[in-house]
Amino acid sequence: MIRAGALLSSLALLAACSDDPPAPEPIQTEIPEELENVELPRIVGDEAGIGTPMEERVATIGVLNKRNNLTQELELKPGEQRRIGDVIVRLRACERTAPWEFDKEEGAFVQVLVRERGSESDFRRVFSGWLFKNKPSINVVEHPIYDVWVKSCAMEFPGEE
């Protein structure tokens, strides 16, 4: 009986403390005048001449069908898509770090669409995002039937042999 009374009094104290604190007020900041009219390039890499233009890059994407254990490689340029059975893989961008950078990484912005069960032409997007070759756990295509991953991104940088 004593424990139940102590528990009830503790719960009453906790209930009294449940008032939410007031939300913090946003801080108004101004953009300095010298930064208001700065012109930024639309596509930094292409306009600055760094690396292969996006439309000339080629990504190799691996696709695994876990039902039948079949793996296929797709070579896509940004803007292309390919259908394999019930899955469509779209490549939006492909990137790799410059040769003079220490952390070597390759990645691609991929969209994966899967045909809805029982339909002929209805596809549902199950993934849209960056996939990385050396760090596949950062972003994963979570689907019970298909695995999709980046194998490479072919592009060159100035001065690279």
N, C-alpha and C. Protein backbone atom coordinates (compact mmCIF):
# COMPACT_ATOMS: atom_id res chain seq x y z
N MET A 1 0.81 -1.18 0.00
CA MET A 1 0.00 0.00 0.00
C MET A 1 0.86 1.26 0.00
N ILE A 2 1.95 1.19 0.77
CA ILE A 2 2.83 2.35 0.85
C ILE A 2 3.48 2.61 -0.51
N ARG A 3 3.87 1.54 -1.22
CA ARG A 3 4.51 1.70 -2.53
C ARG A 3 3.54 2.32 -3.54
N ALA A 4 2.28 1.88 -3.49
CA ALA A 4 1.28 2.42 -4.42
C ALA A 4 1.07 3.90 -4.16
N GLY A 5 1.04 4.30 -2.89
CA GLY A 5 0.87 5.72 -2.56
C GLY A 5 2.05 6.55 -3.02
N ALA A 6 3.26 6.00 -2.86
CA ALA A 6 4.47 6.71 -3.31
C ALA A 6 4.47 6.84 -4.82
N LEU A 7 4.02 5.78 -5.51
CA LEU A 7 3.97 5.81 -6.97
C LEU A 7 2.96 6.85 -7.45
N LEU A 8 1.79 6.90 -6.81
CA LEU A 8 0.77 7.88 -7.20
C LEU A 8 1.25 9.31 -6.96
N SER A 9 1.93 9.55 -5.84
CA SER A 9 2.41 10.91 -5.57
C SER A 9 3.52 11.29 -6.56
N SER A 10 4.34 10.32 -6.96
CA SER A 10 5.38 10.60 -7.96
C SER A 10 4.76 10.94 -9.30
N LEU A 11 3.72 10.20 -9.69
CA LEU A 11 3.04 10.48 -10.95
C LEU A 11 2.37 11.85 -10.92
N ALA A 12 1.81 12.23 -9.77
CA ALA A 12 1.18 13.55 -9.65
C ALA A 12 2.21 14.65 -9.81
N LEU A 13 3.39 14.46 -9.23
CA LEU A 13 4.46 15.46 -9.38
C LEU A 13 4.91 15.56 -10.83
N LEU A 14 5.05 14.41 -11.49
CA LEU A 14 5.45 14.43 -12.91
C LEU A 14 4.40 15.11 -13.77
N ALA A 15 3.13 14.86 -13.49
CA ALA A 15 2.05 15.48 -14.26
C ALA A 15 2.07 16.99 -14.10
N ALA A 16 2.42 17.47 -12.92
CA ALA A 16 2.48 18.91 -12.68
C ALA A 16 3.62 19.55 -13.44
N CYS A 17 4.65 18.78 -13.75
CA CYS A 17 5.83 19.31 -14.45
C CYS A 17 5.73 19.18 -15.95
N SER A 18 4.60 18.75 -16.48
CA SER A 18 4.51 18.46 -17.90
C SER A 18 4.22 19.67 -18.78
N ASP A 19 4.15 20.87 -18.21
CA ASP A 19 3.93 22.06 -19.03
C ASP A 19 5.11 22.24 -19.97
N ASP A 20 4.79 22.40 -21.27
CA ASP A 20 5.84 22.58 -22.27
C ASP A 20 6.48 23.95 -22.10
N PRO A 21 7.81 24.02 -22.20
CA PRO A 21 8.46 25.33 -22.12
C PRO A 21 8.09 26.17 -23.34
N PRO A 22 8.15 27.47 -23.23
CA PRO A 22 7.80 28.31 -24.38
C PRO A 22 8.80 28.11 -25.52
N ALA A 23 8.29 28.18 -26.74
CA ALA A 23 9.15 28.01 -27.91
C ALA A 23 10.08 29.21 -28.03
N PRO A 24 11.34 28.97 -28.42
CA PRO A 24 12.26 30.09 -28.57
C PRO A 24 11.85 30.98 -29.74
N GLU A 25 12.09 32.25 -29.60
CA GLU A 25 11.78 33.21 -30.66
C GLU A 25 12.85 33.13 -31.75
N PRO A 26 12.43 33.16 -33.03
CA PRO A 26 13.43 33.14 -34.10
C PRO A 26 14.24 34.44 -34.11
N ILE A 27 15.50 34.33 -34.44
CA ILE A 27 16.38 35.49 -34.50
C ILE A 27 16.37 36.01 -35.93
N GLN A 28 16.03 37.26 -36.10
CA GLN A 28 16.03 37.87 -37.41
C GLN A 28 17.44 38.28 -37.79
N THR A 29 17.88 37.84 -38.96
CA THR A 29 19.20 38.24 -39.46
C THR A 29 19.03 38.85 -40.83
N GLU A 30 19.93 39.70 -41.18
CA GLU A 30 19.88 40.34 -42.49
C GLU A 30 21.04 39.84 -43.34
N ILE A 31 20.80 39.78 -44.64
CA ILE A 31 21.85 39.40 -45.57
C ILE A 31 22.66 40.66 -45.88
N PRO A 32 23.99 40.60 -45.72
CA PRO A 32 24.79 41.78 -46.03
C PRO A 32 24.58 42.22 -47.48
N GLU A 33 24.62 43.53 -47.72
CA GLU A 33 24.36 44.07 -49.05
C GLU A 33 25.26 43.48 -50.12
N GLU A 34 26.53 43.24 -49.79
CA GLU A 34 27.47 42.72 -50.80
C GLU A 34 27.14 41.28 -51.22
N LEU A 35 26.31 40.59 -50.44
CA LEU A 35 25.94 39.22 -50.79
C LEU A 35 24.56 39.13 -51.42
N GLU A 36 23.80 40.19 -51.42
CA GLU A 36 22.44 40.14 -51.95
C GLU A 36 22.41 39.93 -53.45
N ASN A 37 23.32 40.51 -54.19
CA ASN A 37 23.28 40.46 -55.65
C ASN A 37 24.41 39.64 -56.25
N VAL A 38 24.92 38.68 -55.51
CA VAL A 38 25.99 37.84 -56.03
C VAL A 38 25.40 36.86 -57.03
N GLU A 39 26.02 36.76 -58.20
CA GLU A 39 25.55 35.81 -59.20
C GLU A 39 26.30 34.50 -59.00
N LEU A 40 25.54 33.42 -58.84
CA LEU A 40 26.12 32.11 -58.67
C LEU A 40 25.89 31.29 -59.93
N PRO A 41 26.87 30.48 -60.34
CA PRO A 41 26.64 29.64 -61.52
C PRO A 41 25.56 28.61 -61.23
N ARG A 42 24.78 28.27 -62.25
CA ARG A 42 23.69 27.30 -62.07
C ARG A 42 24.24 25.91 -61.77
N ILE A 43 25.19 25.47 -62.56
CA ILE A 43 25.83 24.18 -62.33
C ILE A 43 27.31 24.47 -62.16
N VAL A 44 27.77 24.45 -60.94
CA VAL A 44 29.12 24.89 -60.62
C VAL A 44 30.17 24.09 -61.39
N GLY A 45 30.08 22.78 -61.38
CA GLY A 45 31.10 21.95 -62.03
C GLY A 45 31.20 22.20 -63.52
N ASP A 46 30.06 22.28 -64.21
CA ASP A 46 30.07 22.47 -65.65
C ASP A 46 30.57 23.85 -66.05
N GLU A 47 30.08 24.90 -65.37
CA GLU A 47 30.47 26.24 -65.74
C GLU A 47 31.89 26.58 -65.32
N ALA A 48 32.38 25.98 -64.26
CA ALA A 48 33.73 26.24 -63.81
C ALA A 48 34.74 25.41 -64.59
N GLY A 49 34.27 24.45 -65.39
CA GLY A 49 35.18 23.62 -66.18
C GLY A 49 35.89 22.57 -65.35
N ILE A 50 35.30 22.16 -64.23
CA ILE A 50 35.92 21.16 -63.38
C ILE A 50 35.34 19.80 -63.71
N GLY A 51 36.15 18.92 -64.24
CA GLY A 51 35.69 17.57 -64.50
C GLY A 51 34.86 17.45 -65.76
N THR A 52 34.46 16.23 -66.03
CA THR A 52 33.66 15.90 -67.19
C THR A 52 32.27 16.52 -67.06
N PRO A 53 31.73 17.13 -68.13
CA PRO A 53 30.36 17.64 -68.05
C PRO A 53 29.39 16.52 -67.68
N MET A 54 28.34 16.86 -66.96
CA MET A 54 27.41 15.87 -66.44
C MET A 54 26.86 14.95 -67.52
N GLU A 55 26.52 15.50 -68.68
CA GLU A 55 25.90 14.68 -69.72
C GLU A 55 26.85 13.65 -70.33
N GLU A 56 28.16 13.77 -70.07
CA GLU A 56 29.14 12.83 -70.62
C GLU A 56 29.60 11.79 -69.59
N ARG A 57 29.15 11.89 -68.36
CA ARG A 57 29.53 10.93 -67.32
C ARG A 57 28.72 9.64 -67.49
N VAL A 58 29.31 8.54 -67.03
CA VAL A 58 28.64 7.25 -67.14
C VAL A 58 28.71 6.54 -65.79
N ALA A 59 27.55 6.16 -65.28
CA ALA A 59 27.51 5.42 -64.01
C ALA A 59 27.19 3.96 -64.30
N THR A 60 27.85 3.09 -63.56
CA THR A 60 27.52 1.67 -63.62
C THR A 60 26.76 1.35 -62.34
N ILE A 61 25.53 0.88 -62.51
CA ILE A 61 24.62 0.59 -61.41
C ILE A 61 24.36 -0.91 -61.37
N GLY A 62 24.46 -1.50 -60.20
CA GLY A 62 24.14 -2.91 -60.03
C GLY A 62 22.71 -3.07 -59.53
N VAL A 63 22.00 -4.06 -60.09
CA VAL A 63 20.63 -4.35 -59.68
C VAL A 63 20.55 -5.85 -59.38
N LEU A 64 20.06 -6.18 -58.19
CA LEU A 64 19.89 -7.57 -57.78
C LEU A 64 18.42 -7.85 -57.57
N ASN A 65 17.91 -8.91 -58.22
CA ASN A 65 16.56 -9.41 -57.96
C ASN A 65 16.73 -10.53 -56.94
N LYS A 66 16.27 -10.29 -55.72
CA LYS A 66 16.47 -11.26 -54.64
C LYS A 66 15.59 -12.50 -54.77
N ARG A 67 14.56 -12.44 -55.59
CA ARG A 67 13.70 -13.62 -55.79
C ARG A 67 14.42 -14.71 -56.56
N ASN A 68 15.10 -14.32 -57.63
CA ASN A 68 15.76 -15.31 -58.47
C ASN A 68 17.28 -15.21 -58.45
N ASN A 69 17.83 -14.32 -57.61
CA ASN A 69 19.27 -14.15 -57.43
C ASN A 69 19.98 -13.77 -58.73
N LEU A 70 19.32 -12.98 -59.56
CA LEU A 70 19.93 -12.50 -60.80
C LEU A 70 20.43 -11.07 -60.60
N THR A 71 21.70 -10.86 -60.99
CA THR A 71 22.30 -9.54 -60.89
C THR A 71 22.57 -9.02 -62.29
N GLN A 72 22.28 -7.74 -62.49
CA GLN A 72 22.56 -7.11 -63.77
C GLN A 72 23.27 -5.79 -63.54
N GLU A 73 24.11 -5.40 -64.51
CA GLU A 73 24.77 -4.11 -64.48
C GLU A 73 24.13 -3.22 -65.53
N LEU A 74 23.87 -1.98 -65.13
CA LEU A 74 23.33 -1.00 -66.06
C LEU A 74 24.35 0.12 -66.22
N GLU A 75 24.63 0.52 -67.44
CA GLU A 75 25.46 1.70 -67.69
C GLU A 75 24.53 2.80 -68.17
N LEU A 76 24.45 3.86 -67.37
CA LEU A 76 23.53 4.95 -67.65
C LEU A 76 24.25 6.29 -67.61
N LYS A 77 23.80 7.20 -68.45
CA LYS A 77 24.24 8.59 -68.39
C LYS A 77 23.16 9.36 -67.64
N PRO A 78 23.51 10.48 -67.00
CA PRO A 78 22.49 11.26 -66.30
C PRO A 78 21.33 11.62 -67.24
N GLY A 79 20.12 11.41 -66.74
CA GLY A 79 18.92 11.65 -67.54
C GLY A 79 18.37 10.39 -68.18
N GLU A 80 19.13 9.30 -68.18
CA GLU A 80 18.65 8.06 -68.77
C GLU A 80 17.97 7.19 -67.72
N GLN A 81 17.13 6.27 -68.21
CA GLN A 81 16.50 5.30 -67.34
C GLN A 81 16.44 3.98 -68.09
N ARG A 82 16.39 2.89 -67.33
CA ARG A 82 16.31 1.56 -67.93
C ARG A 82 15.36 0.72 -67.11
N ARG A 83 14.57 -0.08 -67.82
CA ARG A 83 13.62 -0.98 -67.14
C ARG A 83 14.14 -2.40 -67.23
N ILE A 84 14.11 -3.09 -66.08
CA ILE A 84 14.46 -4.51 -66.02
C ILE A 84 13.27 -5.19 -65.35
N GLY A 85 12.45 -5.83 -66.13
CA GLY A 85 11.27 -6.50 -65.56
C GLY A 85 10.34 -5.51 -64.90
N ASP A 86 10.20 -5.63 -63.58
CA ASP A 86 9.27 -4.79 -62.83
C ASP A 86 9.94 -3.58 -62.18
N VAL A 87 11.18 -3.31 -62.48
CA VAL A 87 11.89 -2.19 -61.85
C VAL A 87 12.44 -1.25 -62.92
N ILE A 88 12.35 0.04 -62.63
CA ILE A 88 12.94 1.07 -63.48
C ILE A 88 13.98 1.80 -62.65
N VAL A 89 15.19 1.96 -63.22
CA VAL A 89 16.26 2.69 -62.56
C VAL A 89 16.54 3.94 -63.38
N ARG A 90 16.47 5.09 -62.73
CA ARG A 90 16.76 6.38 -63.37
C ARG A 90 18.02 6.95 -62.75
N LEU A 91 18.89 7.48 -63.60
CA LEU A 91 20.10 8.15 -63.11
C LEU A 91 19.93 9.64 -63.33
N ARG A 92 20.09 10.41 -62.26
CA ARG A 92 19.97 11.86 -62.35
C ARG A 92 21.33 12.54 -62.35
N ALA A 93 22.29 12.00 -61.60
CA ALA A 93 23.63 12.60 -61.54
C ALA A 93 24.62 11.52 -61.12
N CYS A 94 25.89 11.79 -61.44
CA CYS A 94 26.97 10.87 -61.13
C CYS A 94 28.18 11.72 -60.75
N GLU A 95 28.85 11.38 -59.67
CA GLU A 95 29.96 12.19 -59.15
C GLU A 95 31.02 11.31 -58.54
N ARG A 96 32.26 11.78 -58.58
CA ARG A 96 33.33 11.15 -57.80
C ARG A 96 34.26 12.25 -57.34
N THR A 97 34.98 11.97 -56.27
CA THR A 97 35.87 13.00 -55.73
C THR A 97 37.06 13.19 -56.66
N ALA A 98 37.63 14.37 -56.60
CA ALA A 98 38.80 14.69 -57.42
C ALA A 98 39.99 13.84 -56.98
N PRO A 99 40.93 13.57 -57.89
CA PRO A 99 42.05 12.70 -57.55
C PRO A 99 42.95 13.26 -56.45
N TRP A 100 42.93 14.57 -56.23
CA TRP A 100 43.79 15.17 -55.22
C TRP A 100 43.14 15.19 -53.84
N GLU A 101 41.90 14.74 -53.73
CA GLU A 101 41.23 14.68 -52.43
C GLU A 101 41.55 13.35 -51.76
N PHE A 102 41.56 13.36 -50.41
CA PHE A 102 41.96 12.17 -49.67
C PHE A 102 40.88 11.11 -49.59
N ASP A 103 39.66 11.49 -49.28
CA ASP A 103 38.58 10.50 -49.19
C ASP A 103 38.04 10.23 -50.58
N LYS A 104 38.41 9.09 -51.14
CA LYS A 104 37.95 8.72 -52.47
C LYS A 104 36.53 8.18 -52.37
N GLU A 105 35.65 8.78 -53.14
CA GLU A 105 34.26 8.36 -53.10
C GLU A 105 33.62 8.52 -54.47
N GLU A 106 32.72 7.62 -54.78
CA GLU A 106 31.94 7.69 -56.01
C GLU A 106 30.48 7.54 -55.61
N GLY A 107 29.62 8.28 -56.29
CA GLY A 107 28.21 8.20 -55.96
C GLY A 107 27.35 8.60 -57.13
N ALA A 108 26.08 8.31 -56.99
CA ALA A 108 25.12 8.66 -58.04
C ALA A 108 23.78 8.97 -57.39
N PHE A 109 23.07 9.92 -57.99
CA PHE A 109 21.72 10.22 -57.56
C PHE A 109 20.80 9.34 -58.40
N VAL A 110 20.12 8.42 -57.74
CA VAL A 110 19.34 7.39 -58.42
C VAL A 110 17.90 7.43 -57.95
N GLN A 111 17.00 7.14 -58.86
CA GLN A 111 15.60 6.93 -58.51
C GLN A 111 15.21 5.52 -58.94
N VAL A 112 14.51 4.82 -58.05
CA VAL A 112 14.09 3.44 -58.32
C VAL A 112 12.57 3.39 -58.25
N LEU A 113 11.97 2.89 -59.32
CA LEU A 113 10.52 2.74 -59.39
C LEU A 113 10.20 1.26 -59.58
N VAL A 114 9.18 0.77 -58.88
CA VAL A 114 8.80 -0.64 -58.96
C VAL A 114 7.33 -0.71 -59.37
N ARG A 115 7.04 -1.66 -60.27
CA ARG A 115 5.66 -1.83 -60.75
C ARG A 115 4.78 -2.32 -59.62
N GLU A 116 3.62 -1.70 -59.50
CA GLU A 116 2.65 -2.08 -58.47
C GLU A 116 2.11 -3.47 -58.79
N ARG A 117 1.92 -4.27 -57.76
CA ARG A 117 1.41 -5.63 -57.92
C ARG A 117 0.01 -5.58 -58.53
N GLY A 118 -0.20 -6.41 -59.56
CA GLY A 118 -1.52 -6.51 -60.19
C GLY A 118 -1.78 -5.47 -61.27
N SER A 119 -0.82 -4.59 -61.55
CA SER A 119 -1.04 -3.57 -62.59
C SER A 119 -0.08 -3.82 -63.74
N GLU A 120 -0.39 -3.23 -64.86
CA GLU A 120 0.46 -3.38 -66.04
C GLU A 120 1.44 -2.22 -66.20
N SER A 121 1.00 -1.01 -65.80
CA SER A 121 1.84 0.14 -66.07
C SER A 121 1.94 1.14 -64.92
N ASP A 122 1.47 0.78 -63.74
CA ASP A 122 1.56 1.68 -62.59
C ASP A 122 2.84 1.40 -61.82
N PHE A 123 3.73 2.40 -61.78
CA PHE A 123 5.00 2.26 -61.06
C PHE A 123 5.00 3.20 -59.87
N ARG A 124 5.58 2.75 -58.77
CA ARG A 124 5.68 3.53 -57.54
C ARG A 124 7.15 3.77 -57.23
N ARG A 125 7.50 5.02 -56.92
CA ARG A 125 8.88 5.34 -56.58
C ARG A 125 9.16 4.81 -55.17
N VAL A 126 10.17 3.93 -55.06
CA VAL A 126 10.52 3.37 -53.77
C VAL A 126 11.81 3.96 -53.21
N PHE A 127 12.55 4.68 -54.07
CA PHE A 127 13.79 5.30 -53.60
C PHE A 127 14.13 6.47 -54.50
N SER A 128 14.65 7.53 -53.89
CA SER A 128 15.17 8.68 -54.61
C SER A 128 16.24 9.30 -53.74
N GLY A 129 17.50 9.23 -54.17
CA GLY A 129 18.57 9.80 -53.35
C GLY A 129 19.94 9.38 -53.85
N TRP A 130 20.94 9.80 -53.10
CA TRP A 130 22.33 9.49 -53.43
C TRP A 130 22.70 8.13 -52.89
N LEU A 131 23.37 7.34 -53.72
CA LEU A 131 23.96 6.07 -53.33
C LEU A 131 25.47 6.20 -53.47
N PHE A 132 26.22 5.66 -52.52
CA PHE A 132 27.68 5.78 -52.53
C PHE A 132 28.33 4.41 -52.62
N LYS A 133 29.35 4.31 -53.46
CA LYS A 133 30.03 3.04 -53.71
C LYS A 133 30.73 2.51 -52.45
N ASN A 134 31.54 3.33 -51.82
CA ASN A 134 32.36 2.87 -50.69
C ASN A 134 31.65 2.93 -49.35
N LYS A 135 30.49 3.56 -49.30
CA LYS A 135 29.74 3.66 -48.05
C LYS A 135 28.27 3.35 -48.32
N PRO A 136 27.98 2.11 -48.67
CA PRO A 136 26.59 1.79 -49.04
C PRO A 136 25.60 1.91 -47.89
N SER A 137 26.08 1.91 -46.66
CA SER A 137 25.15 1.98 -45.53
C SER A 137 24.65 3.40 -45.27
N ILE A 138 25.25 4.41 -45.90
CA ILE A 138 24.79 5.78 -45.70
C ILE A 138 23.37 5.95 -46.21
N ASN A 139 23.09 5.41 -47.36
CA ASN A 139 21.76 5.50 -47.95
C ASN A 139 21.49 4.17 -48.64
N VAL A 140 20.39 3.54 -48.35
CA VAL A 140 20.12 2.19 -48.83
C VAL A 140 18.76 2.15 -49.53
N VAL A 141 18.71 1.41 -50.64
CA VAL A 141 17.43 1.14 -51.28
C VAL A 141 16.78 0.02 -50.47
N GLU A 142 15.72 0.36 -49.75
CA GLU A 142 15.05 -0.63 -48.92
C GLU A 142 13.84 -1.18 -49.66
N HIS A 143 14.01 -2.35 -50.24
CA HIS A 143 12.92 -2.99 -50.95
C HIS A 143 13.05 -4.49 -50.74
N PRO A 144 11.93 -5.20 -50.56
CA PRO A 144 12.03 -6.64 -50.29
C PRO A 144 12.51 -7.48 -51.47
N ILE A 145 12.41 -6.97 -52.69
CA ILE A 145 12.79 -7.77 -53.85
C ILE A 145 14.07 -7.26 -54.51
N TYR A 146 14.26 -5.94 -54.59
CA TYR A 146 15.38 -5.40 -55.36
C TYR A 146 16.41 -4.70 -54.50
N ASP A 147 17.67 -4.93 -54.82
CA ASP A 147 18.78 -4.16 -54.28
C ASP A 147 19.39 -3.39 -55.43
N VAL A 148 19.74 -2.13 -55.20
CA VAL A 148 20.36 -1.29 -56.22
C VAL A 148 21.55 -0.61 -55.57
N TRP A 149 22.70 -0.59 -56.25
CA TRP A 149 23.90 0.03 -55.70
C TRP A 149 24.76 0.59 -56.83
N VAL A 150 25.66 1.50 -56.46
CA VAL A 150 26.57 2.13 -57.42
C VAL A 150 27.85 1.31 -57.49
N LYS A 151 28.27 1.01 -58.71
CA LYS A 151 29.53 0.29 -58.89
C LYS A 151 30.65 1.25 -59.31
N SER A 152 30.30 2.27 -60.11
CA SER A 152 31.31 3.25 -60.51
C SER A 152 30.66 4.46 -61.15
N CYS A 153 31.45 5.52 -61.24
CA CYS A 153 31.05 6.72 -61.95
C CYS A 153 32.25 7.14 -62.80
N ALA A 154 32.13 7.01 -64.10
CA ALA A 154 33.24 7.31 -65.00
C ALA A 154 33.21 8.79 -65.37
N MET A 155 34.24 9.50 -64.94
CA MET A 155 34.42 10.91 -65.28
C MET A 155 35.89 11.24 -65.11
N GLU A 156 36.32 12.35 -65.69
CA GLU A 156 37.72 12.75 -65.62
C GLU A 156 37.84 14.15 -65.10
N PHE A 157 39.02 14.46 -64.55
CA PHE A 157 39.35 15.78 -64.07
C PHE A 157 40.54 16.32 -64.86
N PRO A 158 40.67 17.65 -64.98
CA PRO A 158 41.81 18.21 -65.71
C PRO A 158 43.12 17.79 -65.06
N GLY A 159 44.08 17.38 -65.89
CA GLY A 159 45.39 16.98 -65.39
C GLY A 159 45.46 15.54 -64.92
N GLU A 160 44.34 14.86 -64.95
CA GLU A 160 44.30 13.45 -64.52
C GLU A 160 44.69 12.56 -65.69
N GLU A 161 45.49 11.55 -65.41
CA GLU A 161 45.89 10.64 -66.49
C GLU A 161 45.11 9.36 -66.43
